[in-house]
Amino acid sequence: MHNRDTLTETERLLLMAAAVHELGQVTDLSRANTNRVVDQVLRWRGLSTEEIRSGWLEQEYGSVHAEVCDALIRMTHQTHRVGPGRAPERPGVPLFEGGGNWGVPGEPDRPACLPYYNSCRLTSEGERIARELLERHPEFCRNVEAGAEPDSHSR
């Protein structure tokens, strides 16, 4: 069982970003673009639109981009058309479900694709935790896609 207090800051931001973009468990996974979630977290972490864009254009994207993507990959249960899919690396109940290429853990030559090309949505447990986090931190709801970072004293 996940406790919202055992999540890292990045994991909490990912959950809240998916929730404010309404990527819940009933969202059509084929339309739940991962990039919206990752870019929202990058904005909340203080990156400008230009810094986010240029980070994705670099051959090896920036360390902040990589940290956010890696955290999401660890939290995501990858679905497959046939079979059970790949379980998340993070212990416990999956908090995200993902479609597309999420890479192969432990095989650096088989990485996940960029977030533009895969999809994710919250699981029921991920949605529950995200709602709790947003209740505790409503400032994140007001700063969606505005490029504004939430008040740092309220984290």
Protein backbone atom coordinates (compact mmCIF):
# COMPACT_ATOMS: atom_id res chain seq x y z
CA MET A 1 0.00 0.00 0.00
CA HIS A 2 1.31 3.43 -0.94
CA ASN A 3 1.37 6.22 1.54
CA ARG A 4 1.54 9.66 -0.05
CA ASP A 5 4.22 10.58 2.49
CA THR A 6 6.63 7.88 1.23
CA LEU A 7 6.61 9.30 -2.30
CA THR A 8 9.44 11.49 -3.53
CA GLU A 9 8.70 15.10 -4.46
CA THR A 10 8.94 14.22 -8.15
CA GLU A 11 6.54 11.29 -7.74
CA ARG A 12 4.03 13.52 -5.94
CA LEU A 13 4.31 16.15 -8.68
CA LEU A 14 3.75 13.51 -11.37
CA LEU A 15 0.59 12.28 -9.67
CA MET A 16 -0.77 15.80 -9.27
CA ALA A 17 0.13 16.73 -12.87
CA ALA A 18 -1.79 13.76 -14.25
CA ALA A 19 -4.77 14.62 -12.05
CA VAL A 20 -4.92 18.30 -13.03
CA HIS A 21 -4.76 17.24 -16.69
CA GLU A 22 -7.65 14.84 -16.00
CA LEU A 23 -5.72 11.71 -16.94
CA GLY A 24 -7.61 9.42 -14.57
CA GLN A 25 -8.37 5.74 -14.81
CA VAL A 26 -11.29 6.22 -17.22
CA THR A 27 -9.19 8.24 -19.71
CA ASP A 28 -8.68 6.56 -23.08
CA LEU A 29 -5.05 5.49 -22.82
CA SER A 30 -4.47 6.09 -26.53
CA ARG A 31 -5.24 9.80 -25.96
CA ALA A 32 -3.42 10.31 -22.64
CA ASN A 33 -0.18 11.87 -23.87
CA THR A 34 2.64 11.54 -21.35
CA ASN A 35 4.24 14.78 -22.47
CA ARG A 36 1.50 16.86 -20.81
CA VAL A 37 2.30 15.29 -17.44
CA VAL A 38 6.08 15.54 -17.72
CA ASP A 39 6.05 19.12 -19.05
CA GLN A 40 3.70 20.20 -16.24
CA VAL A 41 6.11 18.84 -13.64
CA LEU A 42 9.01 20.61 -15.37
CA ARG A 43 7.05 23.90 -15.24
CA TRP A 44 6.30 23.37 -11.55
CA ARG A 45 10.01 22.72 -11.00
CA GLY A 46 10.70 26.20 -12.38
CA LEU A 47 11.73 25.57 -16.01
CA SER A 48 10.55 28.06 -18.62
CA THR A 49 8.76 26.97 -21.78
CA GLU A 50 11.98 27.56 -23.73
CA GLU A 51 14.07 25.51 -21.25
CA ILE A 52 11.59 22.65 -21.48
CA ARG A 53 11.54 22.76 -25.27
CA SER A 54 15.32 23.01 -25.65
CA GLY A 55 15.80 20.20 -23.14
CA TRP A 56 13.77 17.87 -25.34
CA LEU A 57 15.63 18.92 -28.50
CA GLU A 58 19.05 18.02 -27.10
CA GLN A 59 20.31 14.57 -28.05
CA GLU A 60 20.75 13.71 -24.38
CA TYR A 61 18.04 15.65 -22.61
CA GLY A 62 18.76 17.56 -19.44
CA SER A 63 19.13 15.96 -16.04
CA VAL A 64 15.85 17.47 -14.78
CA HIS A 65 14.02 16.05 -17.79
CA ALA A 66 15.65 12.66 -17.23
CA GLU A 67 14.85 12.64 -13.50
CA VAL A 68 11.16 13.32 -14.13
CA CYS A 69 10.91 10.77 -16.95
CA ASP A 70 12.78 8.10 -14.98
CA ALA A 71 10.49 8.57 -11.97
CA LEU A 72 7.42 8.17 -14.16
CA ILE A 73 8.85 5.06 -15.82
CA ARG A 74 9.47 3.48 -12.38
CA MET A 75 5.85 4.23 -11.37
CA THR A 76 4.18 2.94 -14.56
CA HIS A 77 2.65 -0.42 -15.33
CA GLN A 78 3.19 -0.77 -19.08
CA THR A 79 0.26 -2.34 -20.88
CA HIS A 80 0.63 -4.67 -23.85
CA ARG A 81 -1.90 -5.70 -26.44
CA VAL A 82 -1.30 -9.32 -25.47
CA GLY A 83 -0.25 -10.50 -22.03
CA PRO A 84 -0.01 -8.83 -18.64
CA GLY A 85 2.48 -6.11 -19.55
CA ARG A 86 5.52 -4.91 -17.62
CA ALA A 87 5.05 -4.22 -13.94
CA PRO A 88 6.36 -0.95 -12.50
CA GLU A 89 9.80 -0.97 -10.89
CA ARG A 90 8.53 0.98 -7.89
CA PRO A 91 7.27 -1.45 -5.22
CA GLY A 92 3.60 -1.53 -4.35
CA VAL A 93 0.41 -1.05 -6.28
CA PRO A 94 0.93 0.62 -9.68
CA LEU A 95 0.11 4.34 -9.64
CA PHE A 96 0.24 4.85 -13.43
CA GLU A 97 -0.71 2.75 -16.40
CA GLY A 98 1.14 3.39 -19.66
CA GLY A 99 0.85 2.55 -23.32
CA GLY A 100 3.58 2.67 -25.93
CA ASN A 101 7.31 2.20 -25.53
CA TRP A 102 8.32 2.50 -21.87
CA GLY A 103 11.68 0.80 -22.42
CA VAL A 104 13.17 -2.31 -20.88
CA PRO A 105 14.44 -1.92 -17.29
CA GLY A 106 18.12 -2.70 -16.92
CA GLU A 107 18.78 -2.51 -20.66
CA PRO A 108 20.19 0.95 -21.51
CA ASP A 109 20.22 0.12 -25.23
CA ARG A 110 16.40 -0.29 -25.08
CA PRO A 111 15.24 2.99 -23.47
CA ALA A 112 11.75 4.40 -23.32
CA CYS A 113 10.72 6.69 -26.13
CA LEU A 114 10.28 10.41 -25.53
CA PRO A 115 7.06 11.32 -23.68
CA TYR A 116 5.57 12.69 -26.91
CA TYR A 117 5.24 9.14 -28.19
CA ASN A 118 3.74 7.19 -25.29
CA SER A 119 0.76 7.60 -23.00
CA CYS A 120 -0.09 7.38 -19.33
CA ARG A 121 -3.00 7.69 -16.96
CA LEU A 122 -3.50 7.27 -13.24
CA THR A 123 -4.64 3.98 -11.78
CA SER A 124 -7.42 4.07 -9.18
CA GLU A 125 -4.81 4.14 -6.38
CA GLY A 126 -2.79 6.83 -8.17
CA GLU A 127 -5.93 8.90 -8.61
CA ARG A 128 -6.81 8.54 -4.93
CA ILE A 129 -3.37 9.69 -3.81
CA ALA A 130 -3.34 12.55 -6.35
CA ARG A 131 -6.68 13.84 -5.01
CA GLU A 132 -5.32 13.76 -1.44
CA LEU A 133 -2.21 15.65 -2.52
CA LEU A 134 -4.21 18.28 -4.38
CA GLU A 135 -6.44 18.78 -1.35
CA ARG A 136 -3.31 19.48 0.71
CA HIS A 137 -1.74 21.62 -2.04
CA PRO A 138 -4.50 23.46 -3.97
CA GLU A 139 -1.93 25.94 -5.33
CA PHE A 140 -0.98 23.31 -7.92
CA CYS A 141 -4.49 23.46 -9.39
CA ARG A 142 -4.17 27.22 -9.95
CA ASN A 143 -0.84 26.98 -11.73
CA VAL A 144 -1.64 24.47 -14.46
CA GLU A 145 0.20 25.25 -17.70
CA ALA A 146 0.62 28.86 -16.63
CA GLY A 147 4.35 28.44 -16.22
CA ALA A 148 4.08 29.67 -12.65
CA GLU A 149 5.70 27.70 -9.90
CA PRO A 150 3.51 27.08 -6.84
CA ASP A 151 4.39 28.97 -3.67
CA SER A 152 7.47 27.20 -2.32
CA HIS A 153 6.44 27.68 1.32
CA SER A 154 3.32 25.55 0.79
CA ARG A 155 5.11 22.37 -0.29
